[in-house]
């Protein structure tokens, strides 16, 4: 990485389906497969520490001052009568690019 280049930033999102949480990094503008981490069995919302470990396992870290934000959507887009889906998001950067 050249000295003047800043590490690219992406959005990491976390969502739940059938009681199982997963975290993935949205790599818009690339042809790369989106990295994903599954938290496993049915469980409550992963803690901040668990999320940090998952991001690290995927090779990412939150940007300085980054905070998780939450939004909700309907399971079937545009149909408010369907189940609510919670989505958490945070801006992240590649740890490899930071250390280069």
Protein backbone atom coordinates (compact mmCIF):
# COMPACT_ATOMS: atom_id res chain seq x y z
CA UNK A 1 0.00 0.00 0.00
CA UNK A 2 1.37 3.42 -0.90
CA UNK A 3 1.94 5.84 1.93
CA UNK A 4 -0.82 8.30 0.97
CA UNK A 5 -3.49 5.63 0.47
CA UNK A 6 -6.00 5.23 3.27
CA UNK A 7 -7.39 1.79 4.12
CA UNK A 8 -10.69 1.18 2.35
CA UNK A 9 -13.78 1.30 4.51
CA UNK A 10 -16.71 -1.06 4.26
CA UNK A 11 -19.91 -1.72 6.18
CA UNK A 12 -20.19 -4.80 8.36
CA UNK A 13 -23.74 -5.94 9.05
CA UNK A 14 -25.18 -8.40 11.50
CA UNK A 15 -28.62 -9.96 11.21
CA UNK A 16 -30.59 -12.84 12.66
CA UNK A 17 -32.59 -15.53 10.90
CA UNK A 18 -34.35 -18.37 12.71
CA UNK A 19 -32.65 -17.28 15.94
CA UNK A 20 -29.12 -17.55 14.51
CA UNK A 21 -26.97 -14.44 14.18
CA UNK A 22 -24.51 -13.90 11.33
CA UNK A 23 -22.08 -11.09 10.61
CA UNK A 24 -20.87 -10.22 7.11
CA UNK A 25 -18.81 -7.47 5.50
CA UNK A 26 -20.43 -5.81 2.50
CA UNK A 27 -17.70 -5.44 -0.13
CA UNK A 28 -19.44 -3.14 -2.58
CA UNK A 29 -17.30 -2.09 -5.53
CA UNK A 30 -15.31 -5.34 -5.51
CA UNK A 31 -15.69 -8.78 -7.04
CA UNK A 32 -14.64 -10.45 -3.81
CA UNK A 33 -16.94 -12.81 -1.93
CA UNK A 34 -18.39 -11.14 1.14
CA UNK A 35 -16.69 -12.52 4.28
CA UNK A 36 -19.20 -14.04 6.70
CA UNK A 37 -19.15 -15.29 10.28
CA UNK A 38 -21.95 -17.44 11.74
CA UNK A 39 -22.37 -17.26 15.51
CA UNK A 40 -23.83 -20.76 15.61
CA UNK A 41 -26.69 -22.09 17.68
CA UNK A 42 -29.76 -20.08 18.61
CA UNK A 43 -28.69 -17.35 20.99
CA UNK A 44 -29.32 -13.81 22.16
CA UNK A 45 -27.65 -10.86 20.43
CA UNK A 46 -23.85 -11.37 20.34
CA UNK A 47 -21.97 -9.10 22.75
CA UNK A 48 -19.68 -6.29 21.60
CA UNK A 49 -16.70 -8.49 22.46
CA UNK A 50 -18.09 -11.41 20.41
CA UNK A 51 -18.72 -9.09 17.47
CA UNK A 52 -15.19 -7.71 17.72
CA UNK A 53 -13.74 -11.23 17.71
CA UNK A 54 -15.87 -12.14 14.68
CA UNK A 55 -14.70 -9.05 12.77
CA UNK A 56 -11.10 -9.86 13.67
CA UNK A 57 -11.52 -13.45 12.47
CA UNK A 58 -12.70 -12.02 9.13
CA UNK A 59 -9.68 -9.66 8.98
CA UNK A 60 -11.49 -6.41 9.78
CA UNK A 61 -11.73 -3.88 12.60
CA UNK A 62 -14.13 -1.04 13.34
CA UNK A 63 -13.00 2.38 12.12
CA UNK A 64 -11.92 4.81 14.85
CA UNK A 65 -15.00 5.96 16.73
CA UNK A 66 -17.21 3.44 14.94
CA UNK A 67 -20.43 2.50 16.72
CA UNK A 68 -23.03 -0.15 15.97
CA UNK A 69 -26.31 1.22 14.67
CA UNK A 70 -29.56 -0.75 14.54
CA UNK A 71 -32.39 -0.68 12.04
CA UNK A 72 -35.36 -2.88 11.33
CA UNK A 73 -37.07 -4.08 8.20
CA UNK A 74 -39.93 -6.42 7.43
CA UNK A 75 -39.15 -10.00 6.45
CA UNK A 76 -40.97 -9.44 3.16
CA UNK A 77 -39.87 -6.03 1.92
CA UNK A 78 -42.73 -3.55 1.92
CA UNK A 79 -45.10 -5.81 3.89
CA UNK A 80 -45.38 -4.43 7.44
CA UNK A 81 -47.50 -7.44 8.50
CA UNK A 82 -44.52 -9.82 8.25
CA UNK A 83 -41.95 -10.49 10.95
CA UNK A 84 -39.42 -7.78 11.82
CA UNK A 85 -35.77 -8.33 10.92
CA UNK A 86 -33.16 -6.50 13.02
CA UNK A 87 -29.98 -5.38 11.25
CA UNK A 88 -26.93 -3.93 12.99
CA UNK A 89 -24.20 -2.11 11.07
CA UNK A 90 -20.77 -0.58 11.69
CA UNK A 91 -18.08 0.91 9.44
CA UNK A 92 -14.95 -1.28 9.28
CA UNK A 93 -11.58 -1.40 7.56
CA UNK A 94 -9.30 -4.20 6.56
CA UNK A 95 -6.70 -5.01 9.21
CA UNK A 96 -4.25 -6.07 6.48
CA UNK A 97 -4.48 -2.65 4.83
CA UNK A 98 -4.01 -0.88 8.18
CA UNK A 99 -0.80 -2.80 8.96
CA UNK A 100 0.63 -2.51 5.42
